[in-house]
């Protein structure tokens, strides 16, 4: 007769068999049996956060920087609902998370018991799949299935809701082994139609104004996908741009890289997207921050869309060729067949794309990321540039919050490797960066991890500094402090007649004293002259640091595509702000 294990034991046995090393969690009544079992499993380390949202973002940071699924453990009711923001964030940005939530005992479900809520109902729209466990004998199979769903196809979060009596009950630990992986989304990633590959190659050969448009799907596919992308770009000689989530898949300092595209992308990237005759979308979603006005989005181009998720194809933009595949698998086949038939393509095609590259260089002359620096006040762009220069020789990991600072970080910090840039894209979650930095530091204990933050965002999950201090995680919080919700203020200025309604952050804490209160290091810089030395002090500290970088309060984030406008109508600076934004445009922000 097989050995009987409690539900709590089965949870840990499943996690051990999935090679889980860390769990981010917060205890509560409905998960106490699981916490009781924790002491018997030394291979798994529990990281005690200060809020369940923090657990979710920390698990995201861990997952995105390591390539492994993140695991969080929360109690029933408010424990689970507090995790919803992080689950939704992971869902939007395709981050593999496994959330284990406690639930009231089975016989109390539906009675409005203490700390009861319909967790599976609430999380159904923001997870790939979820389960309410009704039989302890199914628990092992469900947890293993949860890991499979979270990590295959387009990655994303899943949730397993375990009633308290199931955690106590004894059952058999059963795992289905040696089964061939089931098709997800009706597709297998390795079934690539070679006719599509050949059609794609023909489109590449015919193009005179091509561009690669790459997204987070490249990074999700693994390090090999980034290497293959680089090879294909060098073989073709084509320009490449990236979404916010795709930064790092291709070296940010390479000549063929045009910078980030979209609402705050570079002038050359957005104009090239608008004027191209072939757009090759690799692992991106055609989301609204990229496309702007849909009916004027790259109107004269043929479009190729490569994505593992069939539901993303044709969702926002109709394309001429869709290939449903894992990025890495497809690029392998494309490069092999391309090289076989087009050995001297780079040199033979140079003349064909010469006019295009000449036009791109003219757009580059605009130097759209330039700004007017100051000797008196720290400009936020300058602060990010100095941070980059002083950390670029280290293998640095950057997280951000959401707002102006996020865009300045994306514009001025160059990423040459994948999995070094963790930011909230689809959901735009303020408060993401600090707990995410904790997860990154857990995954990479000897690396430099910096959260480029805003003073408004950082206060949303500031309590997680306590977690960083407890576990001696030397994360660096680099606050671009302009005393405003900067992006809100910018939109109010440009779109709402300078009505700065509730965007000024009064009664800010003294961040240096706050850091010291937590047992961390506090540093403040107010002038450009002291910036470098203070940044070096931050880098050299072996403790968590809060760096209060006091920056220009009025600085706006440029370039910017005004709402409702196409890619080729950009604001490059304050001098371009005269143009009115339509009422329709105001609704699109």
Protein backbone atom coordinates (compact mmCIF):
# COMPACT_ATOMS: atom_id res chain seq x y z
CA UNK A 1 0.00 0.00 0.00
CA UNK A 2 1.40 3.41 -0.95
CA UNK A 3 2.44 5.73 1.85
CA UNK A 4 -0.19 8.23 2.89
CA UNK A 5 0.86 11.87 3.15
CA UNK A 6 -1.01 14.92 4.43
CA UNK A 7 -2.05 17.56 1.92
CA UNK A 8 0.62 19.89 3.34
CA UNK A 9 3.28 17.21 2.82
CA UNK A 10 2.08 16.66 -0.76
CA UNK A 11 2.43 20.41 -1.44
CA UNK A 12 6.10 20.35 -0.46
CA UNK A 13 6.78 16.99 -2.14
CA UNK A 14 5.40 18.48 -5.37
CA UNK A 15 7.47 21.66 -5.02
CA UNK A 16 10.63 19.64 -4.35
CA UNK A 17 9.99 17.49 -7.42
CA UNK A 18 9.63 20.73 -9.43
CA UNK A 19 13.05 21.85 -8.08
CA UNK A 20 11.58 24.88 -6.34
CA UNK A 21 14.18 26.64 -4.18
CA UNK A 22 12.27 29.71 -2.95
CA UNK A 23 8.71 30.53 -1.95
CA UNK A 24 7.55 34.11 -1.39
CA UNK A 25 4.74 34.15 1.13
CA UNK A 26 2.79 35.46 4.07
CA UNK A 27 1.14 33.13 6.64
CA UNK A 28 -2.48 33.12 7.71
CA UNK A 29 -5.06 30.83 9.28
CA UNK A 30 -5.97 28.96 6.09
CA UNK A 31 -2.37 27.98 5.26
CA UNK A 32 -1.04 27.17 8.74
CA UNK A 33 -0.81 23.41 8.03
CA UNK A 34 1.47 24.19 5.07
CA UNK A 35 3.57 26.54 7.20
CA UNK A 36 3.72 23.87 9.89
CA UNK A 37 5.25 21.49 7.35
CA UNK A 38 7.82 24.05 6.12
CA UNK A 39 10.36 23.13 8.84
CA UNK A 40 10.69 19.61 7.39
CA UNK A 41 11.86 20.79 3.97
CA UNK A 42 15.22 22.52 4.23
CA UNK A 43 15.79 22.57 0.46
CA UNK A 44 13.02 25.16 0.09
CA UNK A 45 13.58 28.61 1.56
CA UNK A 46 10.61 30.77 2.46
CA UNK A 47 10.93 34.55 2.01
CA UNK A 48 8.57 36.40 4.34
CA UNK A 49 7.24 39.49 2.57
CA UNK A 50 5.19 42.27 4.21
CA UNK A 51 2.24 42.21 1.82
CA UNK A 52 0.89 39.55 -0.55
CA UNK A 53 1.18 41.91 -3.53
CA UNK A 54 4.88 42.10 -2.65
CA UNK A 55 5.05 38.29 -2.69
CA UNK A 56 3.64 38.24 -6.22
CA UNK A 57 5.97 40.93 -7.59
CA UNK A 58 8.99 39.34 -5.86
CA UNK A 59 8.06 36.02 -7.49
CA UNK A 60 7.79 37.88 -10.82
CA UNK A 61 11.24 39.43 -10.40
CA UNK A 62 12.65 36.02 -9.53
CA UNK A 63 10.99 34.39 -12.55
CA UNK A 64 11.91 37.06 -15.07
CA UNK A 65 15.55 37.24 -14.06
CA UNK A 66 16.12 33.49 -13.64
CA UNK A 67 13.87 31.94 -16.28
CA UNK A 68 12.35 29.67 -13.58
CA UNK A 69 8.72 29.89 -12.43
CA UNK A 70 8.11 32.03 -9.34
CA UNK A 71 6.11 30.54 -6.45
CA UNK A 72 4.00 32.42 -3.90
CA UNK A 73 2.01 31.20 -0.92
CA UNK A 74 -0.90 33.22 0.48
CA UNK A 75 -3.79 32.69 2.83
CA UNK A 76 -7.49 32.82 2.03
CA UNK A 77 -9.67 35.92 1.63
CA UNK A 78 -7.59 39.12 1.74
CA UNK A 79 -4.37 37.12 1.31
CA UNK A 80 -5.56 35.91 -2.07
CA UNK A 81 -7.20 39.19 -3.12
CA UNK A 82 -4.03 41.12 -2.23
CA UNK A 83 -2.18 38.90 -4.72
CA UNK A 84 -4.59 39.68 -7.56
CA UNK A 85 -2.67 42.75 -8.80
CA UNK A 86 0.54 40.75 -9.09
CA UNK A 87 -1.25 37.84 -10.81
CA UNK A 88 -2.80 40.24 -13.33
CA UNK A 89 0.58 41.90 -13.86
CA UNK A 90 2.15 38.49 -14.56
CA UNK A 91 -0.74 37.58 -16.86
CA UNK A 92 -0.31 40.74 -18.94
CA UNK A 93 3.48 40.37 -19.15
CA UNK A 94 3.57 36.57 -19.63
CA UNK A 95 5.46 35.73 -16.43
CA UNK A 96 5.30 32.12 -15.13
CA UNK A 97 3.95 32.16 -11.55
CA UNK A 98 2.44 29.42 -9.41
CA UNK A 99 0.28 30.84 -6.62
CA UNK A 100 -0.78 28.47 -3.85
CA UNK A 101 -3.62 29.93 -1.80
CA UNK A 102 -5.29 28.61 1.31
CA UNK A 103 -9.07 28.33 1.48
CA UNK A 104 -11.56 27.82 4.31
CA UNK A 105 -12.46 24.17 5.02
CA UNK A 106 -14.53 22.51 2.30
CA UNK A 107 -17.72 22.35 4.39
CA UNK A 108 -17.58 26.11 5.03
CA UNK A 109 -17.19 27.15 1.37
CA UNK A 110 -20.19 29.26 0.41
CA UNK A 111 -21.16 30.15 3.99
CA UNK A 112 -19.42 33.54 4.15
CA UNK A 113 -16.98 32.10 6.65
CA UNK A 114 -14.19 34.18 8.17
CA UNK A 115 -11.64 35.13 5.50
CA UNK A 116 -13.57 33.33 2.79
CA UNK A 117 -13.83 34.54 -0.78
CA UNK A 118 -14.36 32.92 -4.15
CA UNK A 119 -10.64 32.85 -4.99
CA UNK A 120 -10.94 30.77 -8.16
CA UNK A 121 -13.80 32.98 -9.38
CA UNK A 122 -11.90 36.19 -8.65
CA UNK A 123 -8.65 35.00 -10.26
CA UNK A 124 -10.13 33.23 -13.29
CA UNK A 125 -9.77 36.31 -15.56
CA UNK A 126 -6.16 36.98 -14.50
CA UNK A 127 -4.64 33.48 -14.57
CA UNK A 128 -4.01 31.00 -17.36
CA UNK A 129 -5.87 28.44 -15.28
CA UNK A 130 -6.84 27.82 -11.67
CA UNK A 131 -7.96 24.90 -9.54
CA UNK A 132 -10.01 24.43 -6.35
CA UNK A 133 -8.75 21.17 -4.85
CA UNK A 134 -11.59 18.94 -3.69
CA UNK A 135 -9.74 15.67 -3.07
CA UNK A 136 -6.32 15.34 -1.42
CA UNK A 137 -5.51 12.45 -3.79
CA UNK A 138 -5.65 14.90 -6.72
CA UNK A 139 -3.43 17.52 -5.09
CA UNK A 140 -0.06 16.26 -6.39
CA UNK A 141 -1.34 15.92 -9.97
CA UNK A 142 -2.87 19.40 -9.85
CA UNK A 143 0.29 21.12 -8.60
CA UNK A 144 2.41 19.44 -11.27
CA UNK A 145 -0.16 20.40 -13.89
CA UNK A 146 -0.05 23.97 -12.58
CA UNK A 147 3.70 24.15 -13.24
CA UNK A 148 3.21 22.73 -16.73
CA UNK A 149 0.53 25.26 -17.65
CA UNK A 150 2.51 28.18 -16.15
CA UNK A 151 5.68 27.42 -18.12
CA UNK A 152 4.50 26.08 -21.50
CA UNK A 153 3.10 27.95 -24.49
CA UNK A 154 2.84 31.61 -23.62
CA UNK A 155 3.96 31.65 -19.95
CA UNK A 156 1.71 33.07 -17.27
CA UNK A 157 0.34 32.77 -13.73
CA UNK A 158 -1.77 29.93 -12.35
CA UNK A 159 -3.42 29.43 -8.97
CA UNK A 160 -4.10 26.36 -6.83
CA UNK A 161 -6.68 26.97 -4.08
CA UNK A 162 -6.40 24.41 -1.25
CA UNK A 163 -9.08 24.20 1.48
CA UNK A 164 -7.72 23.80 5.01
CA UNK A 165 -9.19 20.33 5.53
CA UNK A 166 -7.45 19.13 2.33
CA UNK A 167 -4.14 20.29 3.84
CA UNK A 168 -4.76 18.07 6.89
CA UNK A 169 -6.29 15.07 5.06
CA UNK A 170 -4.09 12.09 4.18
CA UNK A 171 -3.81 10.88 0.64
CA UNK A 172 -1.57 9.28 -1.98
CA UNK A 173 1.01 11.39 -3.79
CA UNK A 174 0.43 10.55 -7.44
CA UNK A 175 2.23 12.09 -10.39
CA UNK A 176 1.63 11.25 -14.02
CA UNK A 177 5.03 10.52 -15.49
CA UNK A 178 6.39 10.00 -18.99
CA UNK A 179 3.31 11.39 -20.65
CA UNK A 180 3.82 13.26 -23.88
CA UNK A 181 3.14 16.94 -23.37
CA UNK A 182 -0.38 17.94 -24.33
CA UNK A 183 -1.02 20.56 -26.92
CA UNK A 184 -1.58 23.96 -25.41
CA UNK A 185 -3.71 26.46 -27.28
CA UNK A 186 -4.23 23.71 -29.86
CA UNK A 187 -0.68 24.05 -31.11
CA UNK A 188 2.66 22.38 -30.61
CA UNK A 189 5.56 24.76 -30.82
CA UNK A 190 7.73 22.40 -32.84
CA UNK A 191 5.23 21.92 -35.68
CA UNK A 192 6.50 24.63 -37.99
CA UNK A 193 5.23 24.72 -41.54
CA UNK A 194 8.32 25.00 -43.77
CA UNK A 195 6.19 26.67 -46.48
CA UNK A 196 5.63 29.53 -44.03
CA UNK A 197 9.36 29.69 -43.35
CA UNK A 198 10.11 29.89 -47.08
CA UNK A 199 7.42 32.54 -47.57
CA UNK A 200 8.97 34.53 -44.72
CA UNK A 201 12.42 34.30 -46.31
CA UNK A 202 11.02 35.46 -49.65
CA UNK A 203 9.48 38.50 -47.95
CA UNK A 204 12.86 39.28 -46.38
CA UNK A 205 14.53 39.09 -49.82
CA UNK A 206 11.99 41.40 -51.47
CA UNK A 207 12.00 44.12 -48.78
CA UNK A 208 13.78 47.41 -49.36
CA UNK A 209 12.58 49.16 -46.17
CA UNK A 210 12.48 46.37 -43.58
CA UNK A 211 12.42 46.48 -39.78
CA UNK A 212 12.37 43.92 -36.99
CA UNK A 213 9.90 44.72 -34.20
CA UNK A 214 10.76 42.56 -31.18
CA UNK A 215 9.08 42.01 -27.83
CA UNK A 216 9.12 40.11 -24.56
CA UNK A 217 8.34 36.84 -26.35
CA UNK A 218 11.99 36.67 -27.44
CA UNK A 219 13.17 36.84 -23.83
CA UNK A 220 10.50 34.38 -22.66
CA UNK A 221 11.75 31.87 -25.20
CA UNK A 222 15.10 31.69 -23.37
CA UNK A 223 18.68 32.95 -23.85
CA UNK A 224 19.12 30.97 -27.07
CA UNK A 225 16.30 32.94 -28.72
CA UNK A 226 18.18 36.20 -28.06
CA UNK A 227 21.37 34.73 -29.54
CA UNK A 228 19.50 33.52 -32.62
CA UNK A 229 17.80 36.90 -33.04
CA UNK A 230 21.19 38.60 -33.00
CA UNK A 231 22.46 36.18 -35.63
CA UNK A 232 19.48 36.79 -37.92
CA UNK A 233 19.82 40.57 -37.59
CA UNK A 234 23.51 40.38 -38.50
CA UNK A 235 22.85 37.98 -41.40
CA UNK A 236 20.16 40.25 -42.90
CA UNK A 237 21.66 43.63 -42.04
CA UNK A 238 18.18 44.90 -41.12
CA UNK A 239 17.41 47.53 -38.47
CA UNK A 240 15.73 46.38 -35.27
CA UNK A 241 13.61 48.03 -32.61
CA UNK A 242 12.11 46.74 -29.39
CA UNK A 243 9.13 47.12 -27.11
CA UNK A 244 9.59 48.01 -23.46
CA UNK A 245 9.53 44.32 -22.48
CA UNK A 246 11.90 43.23 -25.23
CA UNK A 247 14.84 45.41 -24.16
CA UNK A 248 18.02 43.37 -23.81
CA UNK A 249 17.09 40.69 -26.34
CA UNK A 250 19.31 42.62 -28.77
CA UNK A 251 22.31 44.72 -27.62
CA UNK A 252 21.22 48.26 -26.87
CA UNK A 253 24.55 49.73 -27.99
CA UNK A 254 24.60 48.01 -31.42
CA UNK A 255 24.39 50.23 -34.54
CA UNK A 256 21.48 48.25 -36.03
CA UNK A 257 19.39 48.87 -32.91
CA UNK A 258 17.14 51.92 -33.31
CA UNK A 259 16.09 52.08 -29.67
CA UNK A 260 12.71 51.48 -28.11
CA UNK A 261 9.57 52.23 -30.09
CA UNK A 262 6.12 53.36 -29.02
CA UNK A 263 4.67 56.30 -27.12
CA UNK A 264 8.07 57.31 -25.68
CA UNK A 265 10.23 55.55 -28.25
CA UNK A 266 12.93 57.14 -30.37
CA UNK A 267 12.21 59.28 -33.40
CA UNK A 268 14.08 56.90 -35.70
CA UNK A 269 12.36 53.76 -34.37
CA UNK A 270 8.84 55.17 -34.70
CA UNK A 271 9.38 56.72 -38.11
CA UNK A 272 10.97 53.52 -39.40
CA UNK A 273 7.96 51.57 -38.13
CA UNK A 274 5.63 53.98 -39.93
CA UNK A 275 7.49 54.03 -43.27
CA UNK A 276 8.73 50.43 -43.54
CA UNK A 277 7.61 48.07 -46.31
CA UNK A 278 8.19 44.93 -44.23
CA UNK A 279 7.54 44.72 -40.48
CA UNK A 280 8.71 41.54 -38.77
CA UNK A 281 7.06 41.20 -35.38
CA UNK A 282 8.89 38.69 -33.21
CA UNK A 283 7.19 37.98 -29.88
CA UNK A 284 5.31 41.28 -29.46
CA UNK A 285 1.59 42.01 -29.04
CA UNK A 286 0.80 45.06 -31.22
CA UNK A 287 -0.48 46.76 -28.06
CA UNK A 288 -1.86 50.31 -27.99
CA UNK A 289 1.31 51.93 -26.57
CA UNK A 290 3.09 50.71 -29.72
CA UNK A 291 0.50 51.09 -32.45
CA UNK A 292 -0.96 54.48 -31.52
CA UNK A 293 -3.73 55.17 -34.02
CA UNK A 294 -4.49 51.75 -35.48
CA UNK A 295 -5.80 52.90 -38.87
CA UNK A 296 -2.60 54.87 -39.47
CA UNK A 297 -0.20 52.28 -38.05
CA UNK A 298 2.48 51.45 -40.63
CA UNK A 299 -0.06 51.73 -43.46
CA UNK A 300 2.13 50.59 -46.39
CA UNK A 301 3.91 47.61 -44.88
CA UNK A 302 3.60 43.87 -45.19
CA UNK A 303 3.47 42.43 -41.70
CA UNK A 304 4.81 39.16 -40.32
CA UNK A 305 3.82 38.07 -36.80
CA UNK A 306 5.74 35.32 -34.98
CA UNK A 307 4.19 34.36 -31.64
CA UNK A 308 3.64 31.24 -29.58
CA UNK A 309 0.13 32.35 -28.64
CA UNK A 310 -2.50 31.99 -31.40
CA UNK A 311 -4.87 34.33 -29.56
CA UNK A 312 -2.41 37.21 -30.10
CA UNK A 313 -2.53 36.82 -33.89
CA UNK A 314 -4.85 39.31 -35.58
CA UNK A 315 -6.12 40.59 -32.23
CA UNK A 316 -5.22 44.23 -32.81
CA UNK A 317 -3.52 44.39 -36.22
CA UNK A 318 -4.15 42.22 -39.29
CA UNK A 319 -0.98 40.62 -40.64
CA UNK A 320 0.09 39.12 -43.97
CA UNK A 321 1.91 36.12 -42.54
CA UNK A 322 1.36 34.58 -39.11
CA UNK A 323 3.64 31.88 -37.73
CA UNK A 324 2.61 30.28 -34.46
CA UNK A 325 5.77 29.00 -32.87
CA UNK A 326 8.23 29.29 -30.05
CA UNK A 327 10.63 32.05 -31.12
CA UNK A 328 13.76 29.98 -30.61
CA UNK A 329 12.46 27.02 -32.63
CA UNK A 330 11.39 29.20 -35.52
CA UNK A 331 14.55 31.32 -35.69
CA UNK A 332 16.66 28.15 -35.82
CA UNK A 333 14.80 26.97 -38.91
CA UNK A 334 14.76 30.40 -40.56
CA UNK A 335 18.50 30.95 -40.10
CA UNK A 336 19.41 27.45 -41.33
CA UNK A 337 17.28 27.72 -44.49
CA UNK A 338 18.22 31.33 -45.10
CA UNK A 339 21.94 30.59 -44.97
CA UNK A 340 21.55 27.59 -47.27
CA UNK A 341 19.98 29.63 -50.06
CA UNK A 342 21.36 33.13 -49.50
CA UNK A 343 25.03 32.86 -48.67
CA UNK A 344 26.04 36.41 -49.61
CA UNK A 345 22.78 38.14 -48.74
CA UNK A 346 24.32 40.83 -46.54
CA UNK A 347 26.64 42.18 -49.26
CA UNK A 348 24.28 41.56 -52.19
CA UNK A 349 21.37 43.29 -50.42
CA UNK A 350 23.30 46.32 -49.21
CA UNK A 351 22.44 48.43 -52.23
CA UNK A 352 18.75 47.56 -51.97
CA UNK A 353 18.51 48.84 -48.39
CA UNK A 354 21.05 51.69 -48.75
CA UNK A 355 18.39 54.40 -49.20
CA UNK A 356 16.53 53.03 -46.17
CA UNK A 357 19.58 53.14 -43.95
CA UNK A 358 20.35 56.64 -45.24
CA UNK A 359 16.86 57.75 -44.22
CA UNK A 360 17.28 56.13 -40.79
CA UNK A 361 20.54 58.04 -40.29
CA UNK A 362 18.71 61.29 -41.12
CA UNK A 363 16.11 60.49 -38.47
CA UNK A 364 18.90 59.69 -36.04
CA UNK A 365 20.34 63.16 -36.57
CA UNK A 366 17.33 64.51 -34.67
CA UNK A 367 18.93 62.99 -31.51
CA UNK A 368 15.47 62.59 -30.06
CA UNK A 369 16.73 61.47 -26.64
CA UNK A 370 18.75 64.65 -26.14
CA UNK A 371 17.78 66.99 -23.33
CA UNK A 372 18.92 70.34 -21.99
CA UNK A 373 21.19 69.55 -19.08
CA UNK A 374 21.68 71.80 -16.06
CA UNK A 375 24.58 72.62 -13.75
CA UNK A 376 22.25 73.56 -10.91
CA UNK A 377 19.54 70.90 -11.00
CA UNK A 378 19.85 67.17 -11.59
CA UNK A 379 17.98 66.26 -14.75
CA UNK A 380 16.38 62.82 -14.44
CA UNK A 381 17.79 61.71 -17.82
CA UNK A 382 21.27 62.73 -16.67
CA UNK A 383 20.83 60.77 -13.44
CA UNK A 384 19.96 57.59 -15.37
CA UNK A 385 22.87 58.14 -17.77
CA UNK A 386 25.34 58.50 -14.90
CA UNK A 387 23.89 55.41 -13.22
CA UNK A 388 24.39 53.50 -16.48
CA UNK A 389 27.96 54.69 -16.97
CA UNK A 390 28.90 53.76 -13.42
CA UNK A 391 27.26 50.31 -13.50
CA UNK A 392 27.62 49.15 -17.11
CA UNK A 393 30.81 47.20 -16.45
CA UNK A 394 28.97 45.08 -13.89
CA UNK A 395 26.34 42.51 -14.76
CA UNK A 396 23.61 44.81 -13.43
CA UNK A 397 19.93 43.94 -13.08
CA UNK A 398 17.45 46.82 -13.30
CA UNK A 399 13.86 46.91 -12.08
CA UNK A 400 11.55 49.92 -12.25
CA UNK A 401 8.31 51.21 -10.92
CA UNK A 402 5.86 52.83 -13.38
CA UNK A 403 5.83 56.38 -14.70
CA UNK A 404 8.27 58.91 -16.14
CA UNK A 405 11.27 57.32 -14.40
CA UNK A 406 10.39 54.01 -16.08
CA UNK A 407 10.51 55.61 -19.53
CA UNK A 408 13.74 57.49 -18.78
CA UNK A 409 15.29 54.23 -17.60
CA UNK A 410 14.19 52.47 -20.81
CA UNK A 411 15.53 55.32 -22.94
CA UNK A 412 18.87 55.99 -21.27
CA UNK A 413 19.97 52.71 -19.69
CA UNK A 414 21.30 50.38 -22.38
CA UNK A 415 20.68 46.64 -22.02
CA UNK A 416 22.95 44.23 -23.83
CA UNK A 417 21.70 40.98 -22.30
CA UNK A 418 18.24 39.48 -21.81
CA UNK A 419 16.66 39.02 -18.36
CA UNK A 420 18.41 42.13 -16.99
CA UNK A 421 15.38 44.45 -17.26
CA UNK A 422 12.29 43.85 -15.13
CA UNK A 423 9.43 46.29 -15.44
CA UNK A 424 5.64 46.27 -15.44
CA UNK A 425 4.48 46.73 -19.01
CA UNK A 426 0.94 45.63 -19.79
CA UNK A 427 -0.67 46.44 -16.45
CA UNK A 428 1.58 49.38 -15.55
CA UNK A 429 1.75 48.57 -11.84
CA UNK A 430 3.13 51.24 -9.55
CA UNK A 431 4.88 49.57 -6.62
CA UNK A 432 6.27 46.77 -8.80
CA UNK A 433 9.97 47.62 -8.70
CA UNK A 434 10.95 47.23 -5.03
CA UNK A 435 9.51 43.74 -4.43
CA UNK A 436 10.64 42.70 -7.94
CA UNK A 437 14.19 43.77 -7.00
CA UNK A 438 13.96 41.52 -3.94
CA UNK A 439 13.05 38.56 -6.17
CA UNK A 440 15.89 39.37 -8.56
CA UNK A 441 18.41 39.64 -5.71
CA UNK A 442 17.23 36.28 -4.31
CA UNK A 443 17.85 34.73 -7.74
CA UNK A 444 21.22 36.48 -8.18
CA UNK A 445 22.65 37.08 -4.70
CA UNK A 446 26.06 38.34 -5.87
CA UNK A 447 24.84 40.71 -8.59
CA UNK A 448 24.06 44.42 -8.43
CA UNK A 449 20.28 44.98 -8.45
CA UNK A 450 18.91 48.53 -8.82
CA UNK A 451 15.28 49.64 -8.72
CA UNK A 452 14.98 52.89 -10.68
CA UNK A 453 11.96 54.37 -8.92
CA UNK A 454 9.72 57.39 -8.59
CA UNK A 455 8.89 58.85 -5.18
CA UNK A 456 5.15 58.21 -5.68
CA UNK A 457 5.53 54.61 -6.90
CA UNK A 458 8.02 53.58 -4.24
CA UNK A 459 5.60 54.45 -1.45
CA UNK A 460 3.08 51.91 -2.73
CA UNK A 461 5.11 48.93 -1.52
CA UNK A 462 7.71 50.61 0.67
CA UNK A 463 7.03 48.09 3.43
CA UNK A 464 9.09 45.53 1.48
CA UNK A 465 12.25 47.36 2.56
CA UNK A 466 11.76 45.43 5.77
CA UNK A 467 12.00 42.18 3.77
CA UNK A 468 15.21 43.35 2.10
CA UNK A 469 16.75 44.20 5.47
CA UNK A 470 15.63 40.94 7.10
CA UNK A 471 17.24 38.78 4.42
CA UNK A 472 20.29 41.05 4.00
CA UNK A 473 19.49 41.72 0.35
CA UNK A 474 21.64 44.66 -0.81
CA UNK A 475 19.13 46.05 -3.31
CA UNK A 476 19.54 49.69 -4.35
CA UNK A 477 16.46 51.91 -4.65
CA UNK A 478 17.36 54.83 -6.91
CA UNK A 479 14.50 57.34 -6.58
CA UNK A 480 14.13 60.07 -9.21
CA UNK A 481 12.31 62.39 -6.83
CA UNK A 482 10.42 65.21 -8.59
CA UNK A 483 7.72 65.47 -5.89
CA UNK A 484 5.03 64.71 -8.48
CA UNK A 485 3.26 61.74 -9.93
CA UNK A 486 5.30 62.72 -12.94
CA UNK A 487 3.49 60.98 -15.78
CA UNK A 488 0.11 62.07 -14.43
CA UNK A 489 1.40 65.64 -14.18
CA UNK A 490 2.76 65.46 -17.76
CA UNK A 491 -0.56 64.30 -19.16
CA UNK A 492 -2.39 66.95 -17.14
CA UNK A 493 -0.06 69.56 -18.59
CA UNK A 494 -0.38 68.43 -22.21
CA UNK A 495 -3.96 67.14 -22.29
CA UNK A 496 -5.88 68.77 -19.43
CA UNK A 497 -5.02 72.48 -19.59
CA UNK A 498 -2.42 72.26 -16.80
CA UNK A 499 -5.02 71.29 -14.20
CA UNK A 500 -2.65 69.49 -11.82
CA UNK A 501 -5.45 67.86 -9.89
CA UNK A 502 -4.07 65.75 -7.01
CA UNK A 503 -0.80 64.95 -8.79
CA UNK A 504 1.46 66.83 -6.38
CA UNK A 505 2.75 64.57 -3.65
CA UNK A 506 2.64 66.59 -0.46
CA UNK A 507 3.97 65.37 2.87
CA UNK A 508 6.64 63.12 1.38
CA UNK A 509 8.77 61.32 3.94
CA UNK A 510 12.45 62.05 4.40
CA UNK A 511 13.71 59.06 2.41
CA UNK A 512 17.12 59.10 4.09
CA UNK A 513 15.59 58.92 7.55
CA UNK A 514 13.09 56.33 6.32
CA UNK A 515 15.95 54.14 5.08
CA UNK A 516 17.70 54.46 8.43
CA UNK A 517 14.48 53.60 10.25
CA UNK A 518 14.35 50.33 8.31
CA UNK A 519 18.00 49.61 9.10
CA UNK A 520 19.09 50.39 5.54
CA UNK A 521 21.41 53.08 4.16
CA UNK A 522 20.00 56.46 3.11
CA UNK A 523 21.76 58.71 0.56
CA UNK A 524 20.61 61.99 -0.97
CA UNK A 525 21.94 63.94 -3.97
CA UNK A 526 20.67 67.43 -4.84
CA UNK A 527 23.24 68.74 -7.35
CA UNK A 528 24.87 67.30 -10.49
CA UNK A 529 28.34 67.79 -8.99
CA UNK A 530 27.76 65.34 -6.15
CA UNK A 531 25.87 62.76 -8.20
CA UNK A 532 28.74 60.49 -9.30
CA UNK A 533 30.30 60.15 -5.87
CA UNK A 534 26.96 59.43 -4.25
CA UNK A 535 26.11 56.78 -6.88
CA UNK A 536 29.49 55.11 -6.23
CA UNK A 537 28.72 55.16 -2.50
CA UNK A 538 25.40 53.44 -3.23
CA UNK A 539 27.00 50.77 -5.44
CA UNK A 540 29.73 50.01 -2.91
CA UNK A 541 27.33 49.57 0.01
CA UNK A 542 26.75 45.98 1.11
CA UNK A 543 23.36 46.91 2.59
CA UNK A 544 19.99 47.85 1.09
CA UNK A 545 20.11 51.49 0.02
CA UNK A 546 17.46 54.15 -0.59
CA UNK A 547 18.98 56.87 -2.79
CA UNK A 548 16.92 60.06 -2.86
CA UNK A 549 17.95 61.72 -6.12
CA UNK A 550 16.28 65.14 -6.14
CA UNK A 551 15.56 65.99 -9.79
CA UNK A 552 13.97 68.77 -11.84
CA UNK A 553 10.28 68.97 -10.89
CA UNK A 554 9.00 70.18 -14.28
CA UNK A 555 10.89 67.90 -16.66
CA UNK A 556 8.69 66.05 -19.16
CA UNK A 557 9.44 62.76 -20.85
CA UNK A 558 10.24 63.15 -24.55
CA UNK A 559 9.99 62.12 -27.29
CA UNK A 560 6.28 61.43 -27.14
CA UNK A 561 3.61 60.41 -29.61
CA UNK A 562 0.59 62.53 -28.64
CA UNK A 563 -2.57 60.58 -28.07
CA UNK A 564 -4.53 59.81 -31.21
CA UNK A 565 -1.62 60.55 -33.55
CA UNK A 566 0.30 58.20 -35.83
CA UNK A 567 3.97 57.22 -35.33
CA UNK A 568 5.35 59.90 -37.61
CA UNK A 569 3.83 62.78 -35.63
CA UNK A 570 5.97 63.03 -32.52
CA UNK A 571 6.62 65.70 -29.94
CA UNK A 572 10.40 65.98 -29.52
CA UNK A 573 10.39 68.64 -26.82
CA UNK A 574 8.50 71.52 -25.20
CA UNK A 575 8.72 73.54 -28.42
CA UNK A 576 6.43 70.98 -30.12
CA UNK A 577 3.68 71.18 -27.51
CA UNK A 578 1.63 73.77 -29.39
CA UNK A 579 -0.41 71.23 -31.31
CA UNK A 580 -3.76 70.54 -29.71
CA UNK A 581 -4.79 67.01 -28.86
CA UNK A 582 -8.26 66.01 -30.03
CA UNK A 583 -11.01 64.91 -27.65
CA UNK A 584 -10.71 61.44 -29.15
CA UNK A 585 -6.96 61.51 -28.48
CA UNK A 586 -7.52 62.40 -24.81
CA UNK A 587 -9.45 59.17 -24.31
CA UNK A 588 -6.55 57.09 -25.60
CA UNK A 589 -3.96 58.03 -22.95
